[in-house]
Amino acid sequence: MSARHIVDQPVETGRRRPPRGLVLALAGFVLVGGVVALGVGKVVLDRCDSIVEYPMLADPSIAPSIKALMNDVSPEDLGCARISVSATPSADAPATLAHAGSTAALWIPASYRWVSEALRTTTVPVELIKKSVATTPAVVATRAVDEQRFDSWIAAFERPQTTMADPSTDPGASAAVAGAVAEAEKGLTKVNALGDAIVPLGQSVAGRATTEAVDRLSDVARNGGATIVTEQELVTARAKGVDLVGTVPRSGSGQLDFPLVLTEPVTERHDEVRAVGERLAAALAGEDGRAELSAHGLRMPGAAPLDKGRGVGVVANLWVSDRRLADDAMQQFALASRPIRVLTVVDVSGSMSDPAGAGTRLDLTMQAADAGLRVFADNSDVGYWAFSIDKGGPDQDWTELVPIRPLNEVVGNTTQREVLRAANNSLRGIVGGGTGLYDTTLAAVRRVRESYRPDAVNAVVLLTDGANDDHNSITLARLLETLRAERDPARPVTVVTIGIADGADVSVLQQIADATGGSSYVARDPAEIPDVFTNALRARRS
């Protein structure tokens, strides 16, 4: 990093006022001359010859409190120093600090999670001065008439019409996910349940034009539902007239802890900056600091409730012991929140009319396709094929029912989503013939790759009840060899296979999925269908 901006040449930390005689002499000079010419940036103060300015990055949720406190704290209280605060989102700070032109000496991210991120992804010197200078818990915001108390964060995530920002960038969402991970660590919920709950939340993020807390809170106030924010964000919105209430699960909540971090390189100024940081931490813990934090909706370390009933009251703190579990959850969310470009390929061979549960295998397949359609967000691209043998004409086992288009695209006088739903409902009229599995699979993968979408997860979802019985098709060995040979790391297309009932060739379907980095499942009961699609989304790695 370059040298810090200095208002004047630095002096020893804590330098006291000049001798009385010097002060009188300067005063006399002013009286005689009428003016005194100060050098650019020179500040002569009551108790400091000069002050040194130390740039700080602070998450936007705490930056206003620090800026306000700087108006109450004298430079001498900080060791003849002043701190200039730049509001910088925690997710952006590691890259900002790593930039060659960065001059930040201090940093307050929303939580230690981003300190870990900086340590992992940059070579920036990061040294903890204070573990926490403030806190705020994650909460569930609803209208009063919709208020609901949950046993766990998993239950809160699964509440219908619940929205949340991306936890990889949003501190409040990150705290909520951390709370859910802590619940699993404590045995309060099942680990797999977290992944199941994350998928629909991730898809809701992918389908929203904005994920700003103020917009989500306003939407809930108008239309109902629930959104996950920090207590501070809720308190701020309420102060502006947004009529919502907040709750936390009975298990407690993940909390933002706002650590104070030294980012000054190890130079002759390193200890000086640490001393300034320690004085800032003391000022934040003092009367003025507590008042500023509280005024901006933040709690002090220890998580005592906000005054005047402004927040959610006493909250048990849910801490994550194993950071890797939280990182895994964040990765799952990141994958689930990416747009999806998928070609759904459904078996309509004659055996699909065989019984399965209370209906037929085709009924089960149609339920599966409909469940998948409900999971996909509006910004997903989805197409639909059906296949048996020669279903698209001689030597073409598949037929395109609906081309791949965005689900919210207008098609005629309806939308792509409704066109797909209608195609799914029409399958009973085209059932018949054998199973042309291998040729269809290869053609579907190639079709998706032809129209590859770089910002999305590109996949084929293949639903079938049997094994290939098209004797004129390529062999399984040739299919697997071709899939592996054509696999492009820069344009990955995975195949998710779903075997319908017990007639599916599980081994073959697994091999097809493995050849593309995909996953394979078997659905034997209609009740399993939602979980099958959820697990398929969780398994994405591209």
Protein backbone atom coordinates (compact mmCIF):
# COMPACT_ATOMS: atom_id res chain seq x y z
CA MET A 1 0.00 0.00 0.00
CA SER A 2 1.02 3.59 -0.51
CA ALA A 3 1.70 6.02 2.32
CA ARG A 4 -1.37 7.31 4.10
CA HIS A 5 -2.63 10.83 3.43
CA ILE A 6 -1.35 13.10 6.18
CA VAL A 7 -2.98 16.41 7.04
CA ASP A 8 0.44 17.60 8.20
CA GLN A 9 3.68 15.92 9.03
CA PRO A 10 2.95 13.36 11.77
CA VAL A 11 4.05 14.00 15.30
CA GLU A 12 4.41 11.66 18.20
CA THR A 13 1.13 10.10 19.14
CA GLY A 14 -0.59 12.06 21.88
CA ARG A 15 1.55 15.22 21.60
CA ARG A 16 0.22 17.79 24.07
CA ARG A 17 -0.44 21.51 23.71
CA PRO A 18 2.57 23.78 23.08
CA PRO A 19 4.07 25.80 25.94
CA ARG A 20 1.96 28.68 27.19
CA GLY A 21 4.54 31.24 26.04
CA LEU A 22 4.35 29.97 22.47
CA VAL A 23 0.57 30.17 22.49
CA LEU A 24 0.73 33.80 23.72
CA ALA A 25 3.29 34.68 21.09
CA LEU A 26 1.12 33.24 18.33
CA ALA A 27 -1.90 35.08 19.68
CA GLY A 28 0.05 38.34 19.67
CA PHE A 29 1.12 37.75 16.10
CA VAL A 30 -2.51 37.32 15.03
CA LEU A 31 -3.54 40.52 16.78
CA VAL A 32 -0.73 42.58 15.24
CA GLY A 33 -0.86 41.18 11.74
CA GLY A 34 -4.62 40.72 11.46
CA VAL A 35 -4.21 37.28 9.81
CA VAL A 36 -1.97 34.32 10.10
CA ALA A 37 -1.05 32.26 7.04
CA LEU A 38 -1.38 28.56 7.72
CA GLY A 39 0.22 26.00 5.45
CA VAL A 40 -2.15 23.89 3.33
CA GLY A 41 -3.72 21.20 5.51
CA LYS A 42 -2.12 22.66 8.68
CA VAL A 43 -4.40 22.61 11.70
CA VAL A 44 -3.28 24.25 14.92
CA LEU A 45 -5.44 22.94 17.74
CA ASP A 46 -5.79 23.56 21.40
CA ARG A 47 -3.95 20.41 22.40
CA CYS A 48 -2.25 19.09 19.24
CA ASP A 49 0.26 20.79 16.99
CA SER A 50 -1.17 18.82 14.07
CA ILE A 51 -3.36 15.85 13.33
CA VAL A 52 -2.83 12.82 11.14
CA GLU A 53 -5.71 11.54 9.07
CA TYR A 54 -6.24 7.76 8.93
CA PRO A 55 -8.57 6.46 6.21
CA MET A 56 -11.01 3.73 7.25
CA LEU A 57 -13.32 1.44 5.32
CA ALA A 58 -16.56 0.70 7.18
CA ASP A 59 -19.63 -1.30 6.18
CA PRO A 60 -22.50 1.07 5.26
CA SER A 61 -24.50 -0.22 8.22
CA ILE A 62 -22.01 1.17 10.75
CA ALA A 63 -20.31 3.95 8.75
CA PRO A 64 -22.87 6.65 9.75
CA SER A 65 -22.28 5.87 13.43
CA ILE A 66 -18.51 6.24 13.06
CA LYS A 67 -18.85 9.47 11.07
CA ALA A 68 -21.18 10.95 13.69
CA LEU A 69 -18.86 9.91 16.49
CA MET A 70 -15.97 11.70 14.79
CA ASN A 71 -17.87 14.94 15.35
CA ASP A 72 -18.01 14.24 19.10
CA VAL A 73 -14.48 12.94 19.62
CA SER A 74 -11.57 15.36 19.69
CA PRO A 75 -8.40 14.55 17.73
CA GLU A 76 -6.51 14.40 21.03
CA ASP A 77 -8.81 11.61 22.21
CA LEU A 78 -7.58 9.60 19.23
CA GLY A 79 -3.91 10.51 19.75
CA CYS A 80 -3.81 13.70 17.65
CA ALA A 81 -5.53 11.84 14.87
CA ARG A 82 -8.67 11.96 12.79
CA ILE A 83 -10.37 9.04 11.07
CA SER A 84 -11.94 9.59 7.66
CA VAL A 85 -14.62 7.00 6.96
CA SER A 86 -15.51 5.55 3.57
CA ALA A 87 -18.74 3.52 3.51
CA THR A 88 -17.74 0.30 1.72
CA PRO A 89 -19.85 -2.88 1.52
CA SER A 90 -18.15 -5.70 3.39
CA ALA A 91 -18.20 -7.95 0.33
CA ASP A 92 -16.33 -5.30 -1.70
CA ALA A 93 -13.77 -4.36 0.95
CA PRO A 94 -11.24 -7.21 0.44
CA ALA A 95 -10.78 -6.26 -3.21
CA THR A 96 -10.65 -2.56 -2.31
CA LEU A 97 -7.97 -3.20 0.31
CA ALA A 98 -5.96 -5.32 -2.11
CA HIS A 99 -5.92 -2.58 -4.75
CA ALA A 100 -2.51 -1.02 -5.22
CA GLY A 101 -3.88 2.46 -4.55
CA SER A 102 -5.58 1.59 -1.29
CA THR A 103 -4.69 3.79 1.68
CA ALA A 104 -7.07 2.34 4.26
CA ALA A 105 -5.43 1.93 7.65
CA LEU A 106 -8.49 0.56 9.46
CA TRP A 107 -11.55 -1.49 8.53
CA ILE A 108 -14.86 -2.40 10.15
CA PRO A 109 -16.71 -5.09 8.16
CA ALA A 110 -20.17 -6.25 9.16
CA SER A 111 -18.82 -9.54 10.49
CA TYR A 112 -15.64 -11.53 10.90
CA ARG A 113 -16.70 -13.64 7.94
CA TRP A 114 -15.33 -10.97 5.59
CA VAL A 115 -12.09 -10.79 7.55
CA SER A 116 -11.70 -14.50 6.83
CA GLU A 117 -12.47 -13.78 3.19
CA ALA A 118 -9.73 -11.13 3.05
CA LEU A 119 -7.24 -13.49 4.68
CA ARG A 120 -8.12 -16.22 2.20
CA THR A 121 -8.20 -14.20 -1.02
CA THR A 122 -5.70 -11.36 -0.60
CA THR A 123 -2.25 -10.61 0.79
CA VAL A 124 -3.53 -7.57 2.68
CA PRO A 125 -2.18 -7.38 6.24
CA VAL A 126 -5.20 -7.98 8.47
CA GLU A 127 -4.88 -7.77 12.24
CA LEU A 128 -7.74 -7.83 14.72
CA ILE A 129 -7.89 -4.88 17.12
CA LYS A 130 -11.34 -5.50 18.63
CA LYS A 131 -13.42 -8.62 18.13
CA SER A 132 -16.67 -6.65 18.15
CA VAL A 133 -17.60 -2.97 18.45
CA ALA A 134 -21.35 -3.41 17.79
CA THR A 135 -23.92 -6.08 16.98
CA THR A 136 -27.25 -6.55 15.23
CA PRO A 137 -29.19 -9.83 14.79
CA ALA A 138 -30.92 -11.17 11.71
CA VAL A 139 -34.72 -10.98 11.99
CA VAL A 140 -37.82 -12.01 10.05
CA ALA A 141 -39.91 -8.95 9.12
CA THR A 142 -43.66 -9.26 8.48
CA ARG A 143 -46.82 -7.26 8.84
CA ALA A 144 -48.31 -7.52 12.33
CA VAL A 145 -51.27 -9.57 11.05
CA ASP A 146 -48.85 -12.06 9.49
CA GLU A 147 -46.50 -12.34 12.47
CA GLN A 148 -45.35 -15.89 13.11
CA ARG A 149 -42.81 -17.32 15.57
CA PHE A 150 -40.63 -20.14 14.26
CA ASP A 151 -38.72 -22.84 16.10
CA SER A 152 -35.70 -22.54 13.81
CA TRP A 153 -34.22 -20.61 10.91
CA ILE A 154 -34.96 -23.60 8.66
CA ALA A 155 -38.66 -23.17 9.41
CA ALA A 156 -38.36 -19.44 8.72
CA PHE A 157 -36.66 -20.11 5.38
CA GLU A 158 -39.43 -22.51 4.40
CA ARG A 159 -42.23 -20.07 5.16
CA PRO A 160 -44.15 -19.37 1.92
CA GLN A 161 -43.38 -16.02 0.29
CA THR A 162 -40.20 -15.51 2.31
CA THR A 163 -37.49 -13.49 0.58
CA MET A 164 -33.86 -12.82 1.38
CA ALA A 165 -30.86 -11.19 -0.26
CA ASP A 166 -27.78 -13.11 -1.39
CA PRO A 167 -25.81 -14.08 1.75
CA SER A 168 -22.54 -13.94 -0.17
CA THR A 169 -22.90 -10.16 -0.33
CA ASP A 170 -25.64 -9.18 2.13
CA PRO A 171 -24.68 -9.09 5.83
CA GLY A 172 -28.19 -9.73 7.16
CA ALA A 173 -28.75 -12.76 4.96
CA SER A 174 -25.29 -14.01 5.90
CA ALA A 175 -26.19 -13.77 9.60
CA ALA A 176 -29.43 -15.69 9.05
CA VAL A 177 -27.65 -18.51 7.19
CA ALA A 178 -24.99 -18.59 9.92
CA GLY A 179 -27.79 -18.97 12.46
CA ALA A 180 -29.21 -21.93 10.54
CA VAL A 181 -25.76 -23.54 10.33
CA ALA A 182 -25.30 -23.06 14.08
CA GLU A 183 -28.65 -24.77 14.68
CA ALA A 184 -27.46 -27.77 12.68
CA GLU A 185 -24.17 -27.82 14.61
CA LYS A 186 -26.11 -27.92 17.88
CA GLY A 187 -28.34 -30.73 16.62
CA LEU A 188 -31.45 -28.53 16.66
CA THR A 189 -32.11 -29.22 12.97
CA LYS A 190 -30.89 -31.69 10.35
CA VAL A 191 -27.94 -30.63 8.20
CA ASN A 192 -29.67 -31.68 4.97
CA ALA A 193 -32.69 -29.56 5.83
CA LEU A 194 -30.64 -26.40 5.38
CA GLY A 195 -29.77 -27.27 1.79
CA ASP A 196 -33.40 -28.07 1.03
CA ALA A 197 -34.51 -24.69 2.38
CA ILE A 198 -31.79 -22.72 0.61
CA VAL A 199 -32.82 -23.71 -2.91
CA PRO A 200 -36.18 -21.91 -3.12
CA LEU A 201 -34.67 -18.89 -1.36
CA GLY A 202 -31.82 -18.84 -3.83
CA GLN A 203 -34.23 -19.03 -6.73
CA SER A 204 -36.27 -16.16 -5.27
CA VAL A 205 -33.10 -14.05 -5.27
CA ALA A 206 -32.40 -15.01 -8.89
CA GLY A 207 -35.90 -13.94 -9.90
CA ARG A 208 -35.93 -10.52 -8.21
CA ALA A 209 -34.98 -7.30 -9.93
CA THR A 210 -33.60 -5.89 -6.67
CA THR A 211 -32.58 -7.36 -3.33
CA GLU A 212 -32.15 -4.09 -1.38
CA ALA A 213 -33.57 -4.36 2.15
CA VAL A 214 -35.58 -1.16 1.87
CA ASP A 215 -37.31 -2.45 -1.27
CA ARG A 216 -38.05 -5.86 0.20
CA LEU A 217 -39.43 -4.32 3.40
CA SER A 218 -41.66 -1.96 1.43
CA ASP A 219 -42.90 -4.87 -0.67
CA VAL A 220 -43.79 -6.88 2.44
CA ALA A 221 -45.57 -3.88 3.93
CA ARG A 222 -47.69 -3.58 0.76
CA ASN A 223 -48.23 -7.20 -0.22
CA GLY A 224 -47.55 -9.37 2.81
CA GLY A 225 -45.16 -12.28 3.04
CA ALA A 226 -41.89 -12.05 4.95
CA THR A 227 -38.32 -10.94 4.37
CA ILE A 228 -35.09 -11.55 6.26
CA VAL A 229 -33.14 -8.44 7.23
CA THR A 230 -31.10 -7.17 10.16
CA GLU A 231 -32.75 -5.67 13.20
CA GLN A 232 -31.02 -2.40 12.29
CA GLU A 233 -32.58 -2.39 8.80
CA LEU A 234 -36.02 -3.06 10.26
CA VAL A 235 -35.66 -0.37 12.96
CA THR A 236 -34.51 2.14 10.34
CA ALA A 237 -37.47 1.32 8.08
CA ARG A 238 -39.92 1.59 10.98
CA ALA A 239 -38.53 5.01 11.88
CA LYS A 240 -39.42 6.06 8.33
CA GLY A 241 -43.00 4.86 8.65
CA VAL A 242 -42.82 1.29 7.33
CA ASP A 243 -45.35 -0.59 9.47
CA LEU A 244 -43.72 -3.99 10.07
CA VAL A 245 -42.78 -6.15 13.04
CA GLY A 246 -39.76 -8.38 13.54
CA THR A 247 -39.27 -11.77 15.15
CA VAL A 248 -36.46 -14.26 15.58
CA PRO A 249 -36.77 -18.04 15.86
CA ARG A 250 -36.98 -19.56 19.34
CA SER A 251 -33.50 -21.00 18.79
CA GLY A 252 -31.98 -17.50 18.54
CA SER A 253 -30.29 -15.69 15.69
CA GLY A 254 -27.01 -15.24 13.91
CA GLN A 255 -25.57 -11.80 14.57
CA LEU A 256 -23.27 -9.35 12.84
CA ASP A 257 -20.34 -8.55 15.15
CA PHE A 258 -18.54 -5.63 13.42
CA PRO A 259 -14.87 -6.36 14.23
CA LEU A 260 -12.35 -3.51 14.17
CA VAL A 261 -9.42 -4.48 11.97
CA LEU A 262 -5.96 -3.01 11.36
CA THR A 263 -4.98 -3.02 7.67
CA GLU A 264 -1.88 -0.82 7.90
CA PRO A 265 1.26 -2.60 6.63
CA VAL A 266 3.89 -3.52 9.17
CA THR A 267 5.92 -0.30 8.96
CA GLU A 268 7.06 2.31 11.45
CA ARG A 269 3.43 3.55 11.52
CA HIS A 270 1.91 0.17 12.32
CA ASP A 271 1.90 0.56 16.10
CA GLU A 272 0.71 4.15 15.79
CA VAL A 273 -2.32 3.07 13.76
CA ARG A 274 -3.08 0.26 16.22
CA ALA A 275 -3.07 2.82 19.04
CA VAL A 276 -5.53 4.97 17.10
CA GLY A 277 -7.75 1.92 16.53
CA GLU A 278 -7.70 1.07 20.22
CA ARG A 279 -8.71 4.62 21.09
CA LEU A 280 -11.56 4.41 18.56
CA ALA A 281 -12.76 1.16 20.14
CA ALA A 282 -12.71 2.85 23.55
CA ALA A 283 -14.67 5.81 22.16
CA LEU A 284 -17.31 3.49 20.68
CA ALA A 285 -17.67 1.81 24.08
CA GLY A 286 -18.02 5.20 25.79
CA GLU A 287 -21.19 7.18 26.36
CA ASP A 288 -21.07 9.09 23.06
CA GLY A 289 -20.22 5.96 21.10
CA ARG A 290 -23.05 3.94 22.62
CA ALA A 291 -25.45 6.78 21.90
CA GLU A 292 -24.45 7.01 18.23
CA LEU A 293 -24.63 3.25 17.69
CA SER A 294 -28.04 3.07 19.35
CA ALA A 295 -29.31 6.06 17.37
CA HIS A 296 -28.46 4.15 14.19
CA GLY A 297 -30.15 0.92 15.37
CA LEU A 298 -27.07 -1.01 16.46
CA ARG A 299 -26.58 -2.89 19.71
CA MET A 300 -23.45 -2.92 21.78
CA PRO A 301 -21.37 -6.12 22.04
CA GLY A 302 -23.20 -8.49 24.37
CA ALA A 303 -26.41 -8.02 22.37
CA ALA A 304 -28.44 -6.15 25.01
CA PRO A 305 -31.78 -5.10 23.46
CA LEU A 306 -32.27 -1.67 21.92
CA ASP A 307 -34.01 0.86 24.12
CA LYS A 308 -37.66 2.02 23.86
CA GLY A 309 -38.73 -1.37 22.51
CA ARG A 310 -37.37 -0.52 19.06
CA GLY A 311 -36.09 -3.97 18.20
CA VAL A 312 -36.91 -7.61 18.83
CA GLY A 313 -35.84 -7.77 22.46
CA VAL A 314 -33.60 -10.41 24.00
CA VAL A 315 -32.02 -12.71 21.39
CA ALA A 316 -29.98 -15.86 22.02
CA ASN A 317 -26.79 -15.69 19.97
CA LEU A 318 -26.17 -18.52 17.48
CA TRP A 319 -22.45 -18.81 16.74
CA VAL A 320 -20.92 -21.05 14.07
CA SER A 321 -18.04 -23.15 15.36
CA ASP A 322 -16.97 -24.70 12.05
CA ARG A 323 -16.59 -21.96 9.45
CA ARG A 324 -16.41 -24.56 6.68
CA LEU A 325 -20.05 -25.51 7.23
CA ALA A 326 -21.09 -21.90 6.77
CA ASP A 327 -18.94 -21.63 3.63
CA ASP A 328 -20.62 -24.74 2.20
CA ALA A 329 -24.04 -23.24 2.85
CA MET A 330 -23.01 -20.01 1.13
CA GLN A 331 -21.81 -21.99 -1.89
CA GLN A 332 -25.10 -23.86 -2.09
CA PHE A 333 -26.99 -20.59 -2.03
CA ALA A 334 -24.73 -19.09 -4.69
CA LEU A 335 -25.43 -22.03 -6.97
CA ALA A 336 -29.17 -22.00 -6.25
CA SER A 337 -29.40 -18.27 -6.92
CA ARG A 338 -27.84 -18.51 -10.37
CA PRO A 339 -30.24 -18.49 -13.32
CA ILE A 340 -30.97 -21.89 -14.83
CA ARG A 341 -31.03 -22.83 -18.51
CA VAL A 342 -32.54 -26.29 -18.63
CA LEU A 343 -34.00 -28.61 -21.22
CA THR A 344 -36.49 -31.00 -19.62
CA VAL A 345 -36.65 -34.29 -21.53
CA VAL A 346 -39.51 -36.67 -20.71
CA ASP A 347 -39.95 -40.34 -21.60
CA VAL A 348 -43.31 -41.03 -23.28
CA SER A 349 -42.67 -44.67 -24.22
CA GLY A 350 -45.50 -47.20 -23.87
CA SER A 351 -44.31 -48.45 -20.48
CA MET A 352 -45.10 -45.03 -19.01
CA SER A 353 -48.72 -46.19 -18.88
CA ASP A 354 -47.81 -48.88 -16.33
CA PRO A 355 -49.11 -48.40 -12.77
CA ALA A 356 -47.09 -46.40 -10.22
CA GLY A 357 -48.59 -45.50 -6.89
CA ALA A 358 -52.18 -44.33 -7.24
CA GLY A 359 -51.70 -43.55 -10.95
CA THR A 360 -49.31 -44.37 -13.78
CA ARG A 361 -45.63 -43.76 -14.36
CA LEU A 362 -46.60 -40.95 -16.69
CA ASP A 363 -48.68 -39.35 -13.93
CA LEU A 364 -45.63 -39.49 -11.69
CA THR A 365 -43.47 -37.98 -14.44
CA MET A 366 -45.92 -35.17 -15.08
CA GLN A 367 -45.96 -34.39 -11.37
CA ALA A 368 -42.17 -34.31 -11.39
CA ALA A 369 -42.05 -31.92 -14.35
CA ASP A 370 -44.68 -29.68 -12.79
CA ALA A 371 -42.76 -29.62 -9.48
CA GLY A 372 -39.62 -28.60 -11.32
CA LEU A 373 -41.48 -25.84 -13.12
CA ARG A 374 -42.58 -24.42 -9.77
CA VAL A 375 -38.98 -24.43 -8.49
CA PHE A 376 -37.55 -22.44 -11.40
CA ALA A 377 -37.49 -18.63 -11.11
CA ASP A 378 -38.87 -16.40 -13.85
CA ASN A 379 -35.40 -15.55 -15.15
CA SER A 380 -34.72 -19.23 -15.87
CA ASP A 381 -34.72 -20.52 -19.44
CA VAL A 382 -36.65 -23.78 -19.85
CA GLY A 383 -37.51 -25.97 -22.84
CA TYR A 384 -39.39 -29.27 -23.16
CA TRP A 385 -38.84 -32.42 -25.22
CA ALA A 386 -40.64 -35.75 -25.27
CA PHE A 387 -39.04 -38.99 -26.52
CA SER A 388 -39.64 -42.66 -27.25
CA ILE A 389 -38.50 -44.20 -30.58
CA ASP A 390 -38.85 -42.23 -33.81
CA LYS A 391 -41.08 -39.79 -31.93
CA GLY A 392 -39.80 -36.91 -34.09
CA GLY A 393 -39.87 -38.91 -37.32
CA PRO A 394 -37.64 -41.67 -38.77
CA ASP A 395 -34.33 -41.96 -36.90
CA GLN A 396 -35.20 -39.10 -34.49
CA ASP A 397 -36.33 -40.38 -31.13
CA TRP A 398 -37.22 -36.98 -29.65
CA THR A 399 -39.66 -34.22 -30.50
CA GLU A 400 -39.45 -30.63 -29.36
CA LEU A 401 -42.65 -29.62 -27.61
CA VAL A 402 -41.45 -26.20 -26.44
CA PRO A 403 -38.14 -24.48 -27.39
CA ILE A 404 -35.89 -23.11 -24.65
CA ARG A 405 -37.05 -19.61 -23.68
CA PRO A 406 -37.17 -17.47 -20.50
CA LEU A 407 -40.10 -18.46 -18.31
CA ASN A 408 -41.40 -14.90 -18.23
CA GLU A 409 -41.18 -14.41 -22.00
CA VAL A 410 -44.51 -13.61 -23.61
CA VAL A 411 -45.50 -16.28 -26.13
CA GLY A 412 -48.63 -15.34 -28.05
CA ASN A 413 -51.12 -14.24 -25.43
CA THR A 414 -49.51 -16.15 -22.56
CA THR A 415 -46.08 -16.84 -21.03
CA GLN A 416 -43.44 -19.50 -21.55
CA ARG A 417 -44.26 -20.95 -18.12
CA GLU A 418 -47.89 -21.52 -19.12
CA VAL A 419 -46.87 -22.93 -22.51
CA LEU A 420 -44.67 -25.46 -20.70
CA ARG A 421 -47.47 -26.34 -18.30
CA ALA A 422 -49.82 -26.96 -21.23
CA ALA A 423 -47.21 -29.15 -22.97
CA ASN A 424 -46.76 -31.18 -19.81
CA ASN A 425 -50.52 -31.72 -19.55
CA SER A 426 -50.64 -32.93 -23.18
CA LEU A 427 -48.25 -35.88 -22.73
CA ARG A 428 -50.95 -38.54 -22.35
CA GLY A 429 -51.89 -38.04 -25.99
CA ILE A 430 -48.45 -39.00 -27.34
CA VAL A 431 -47.56 -42.05 -25.20
CA GLY A 432 -46.35 -45.11 -27.12
CA GLY A 433 -43.36 -46.95 -28.53
CA GLY A 434 -40.02 -47.99 -27.11
CA THR A 435 -37.35 -46.01 -25.24
CA GLY A 436 -34.79 -44.17 -27.35
CA LEU A 437 -32.66 -43.05 -24.41
CA TYR A 438 -29.13 -42.79 -25.76
CA ASP A 439 -29.65 -40.80 -28.96
CA THR A 440 -32.02 -38.46 -27.15
CA THR A 441 -29.58 -37.79 -24.33
CA LEU A 442 -26.75 -36.87 -26.69
CA ALA A 443 -28.99 -34.64 -28.82
CA ALA A 444 -30.32 -32.82 -25.74
CA VAL A 445 -26.84 -32.07 -24.37
CA ARG A 446 -25.74 -30.75 -27.75
CA ARG A 447 -28.85 -28.55 -28.06
CA VAL A 448 -28.23 -26.90 -24.69
CA ARG A 449 -24.56 -26.34 -25.48
CA GLU A 450 -25.48 -24.74 -28.85
CA SER A 451 -27.40 -22.01 -27.03
CA TYR A 452 -25.18 -21.87 -23.94
CA ARG A 453 -25.87 -19.10 -21.39
CA PRO A 454 -22.63 -18.11 -19.61
CA ASP A 455 -24.27 -16.59 -16.51
CA ALA A 456 -26.52 -19.59 -15.89
CA VAL A 457 -26.41 -23.22 -14.86
CA ASN A 458 -26.89 -25.10 -18.15
CA ALA A 459 -28.43 -28.55 -17.75
CA VAL A 460 -30.54 -31.34 -19.16
CA VAL A 461 -33.12 -32.91 -16.82
CA LEU A 462 -33.98 -36.36 -18.12
CA LEU A 463 -36.98 -38.29 -16.76
CA THR A 464 -37.41 -41.94 -17.80
CA ASP A 465 -38.88 -45.18 -16.51
CA GLY A 466 -36.72 -47.61 -18.39
CA ALA A 467 -33.59 -48.51 -20.30
CA ASN A 468 -32.70 -47.89 -23.92
CA ASP A 469 -34.35 -50.36 -26.30
CA ASP A 470 -33.69 -48.59 -29.59
CA HIS A 471 -31.45 -51.10 -31.37
CA ASN A 472 -30.58 -48.59 -34.08
CA SER A 473 -29.13 -46.06 -31.65
CA ILE A 474 -25.57 -45.60 -30.46
CA THR A 475 -24.40 -47.88 -27.67
CA LEU A 476 -24.05 -46.89 -24.03
CA ALA A 477 -20.25 -47.07 -24.32
CA ARG A 478 -20.30 -44.77 -27.35
CA LEU A 479 -22.68 -42.34 -25.58
CA LEU A 480 -20.50 -42.09 -22.49
CA GLU A 481 -17.33 -41.76 -24.56
CA THR A 482 -18.89 -38.95 -26.64
CA LEU A 483 -20.27 -37.10 -23.63
CA ARG A 484 -16.82 -37.12 -22.01
CA ALA A 485 -15.03 -36.14 -25.23
CA GLU A 486 -17.38 -33.22 -25.90
CA ARG A 487 -17.37 -31.99 -22.31
CA ASP A 488 -16.16 -28.37 -22.34
CA PRO A 489 -15.03 -26.89 -19.00
CA ALA A 490 -15.70 -23.41 -20.39
CA ARG A 491 -19.27 -24.38 -21.40
CA PRO A 492 -20.33 -27.16 -19.01
CA VAL A 493 -23.68 -28.87 -19.55
CA THR A 494 -24.69 -31.35 -16.86
CA VAL A 495 -27.30 -34.08 -17.07
CA VAL A 496 -29.61 -34.72 -14.13
CA THR A 497 -31.33 -38.09 -14.53
CA ILE A 498 -34.52 -38.97 -12.67
CA GLY A 499 -35.63 -42.58 -12.81
CA ILE A 500 -39.38 -43.01 -12.58
CA ALA A 501 -40.46 -46.01 -10.48
CA ASP A 502 -38.56 -49.30 -10.25
CA GLY A 503 -38.32 -49.98 -13.98
CA ALA A 504 -35.59 -47.41 -14.55
CA ASP A 505 -32.08 -48.67 -15.21
CA VAL A 506 -30.46 -46.99 -12.22
CA SER A 507 -26.92 -47.99 -13.14
CA VAL A 508 -27.17 -46.59 -16.67
CA LEU A 509 -28.74 -43.34 -15.49
CA GLN A 510 -25.98 -42.88 -12.92
CA GLN A 511 -23.29 -43.43 -15.55
CA ILE A 512 -24.87 -40.85 -17.85
CA ALA A 513 -25.03 -38.30 -15.05
CA ASP A 514 -21.45 -39.01 -13.98
CA ALA A 515 -20.14 -38.54 -17.51
CA THR A 516 -21.34 -34.91 -17.44
CA GLY A 517 -20.72 -34.05 -13.79
CA GLY A 518 -24.44 -34.29 -13.05
CA SER A 519 -26.51 -36.27 -10.56
CA SER A 520 -29.01 -39.12 -10.62
CA TYR A 521 -32.15 -39.85 -8.59
CA VAL A 522 -35.01 -42.32 -8.47
CA ALA A 523 -38.59 -41.22 -7.68
CA ARG A 524 -40.90 -44.02 -6.62
CA ASP A 525 -43.64 -42.02 -4.94
CA PRO A 526 -45.34 -38.72 -5.81
CA ALA A 527 -44.49 -37.38 -2.36
CA GLU A 528 -40.78 -37.66 -3.22
CA ILE A 529 -41.02 -35.47 -6.30
CA PRO A 530 -40.40 -32.04 -4.70
CA ASP A 531 -37.40 -33.42 -2.82
CA VAL A 532 -35.99 -34.95 -6.02
CA PHE A 533 -35.92 -31.59 -7.78
CA THR A 534 -34.60 -29.83 -4.70
CA ASN A 535 -31.77 -32.34 -4.37
CA ALA A 536 -31.00 -32.05 -8.08
CA LEU A 537 -30.59 -28.29 -7.73
CA ARG A 538 -28.44 -28.70 -4.63
CA ALA A 539 -26.12 -31.04 -6.48
CA ARG A 540 -25.19 -28.49 -9.15
CA ARG A 541 -21.48 -27.75 -9.33
CA SER A 542 -21.19 -25.68 -12.51
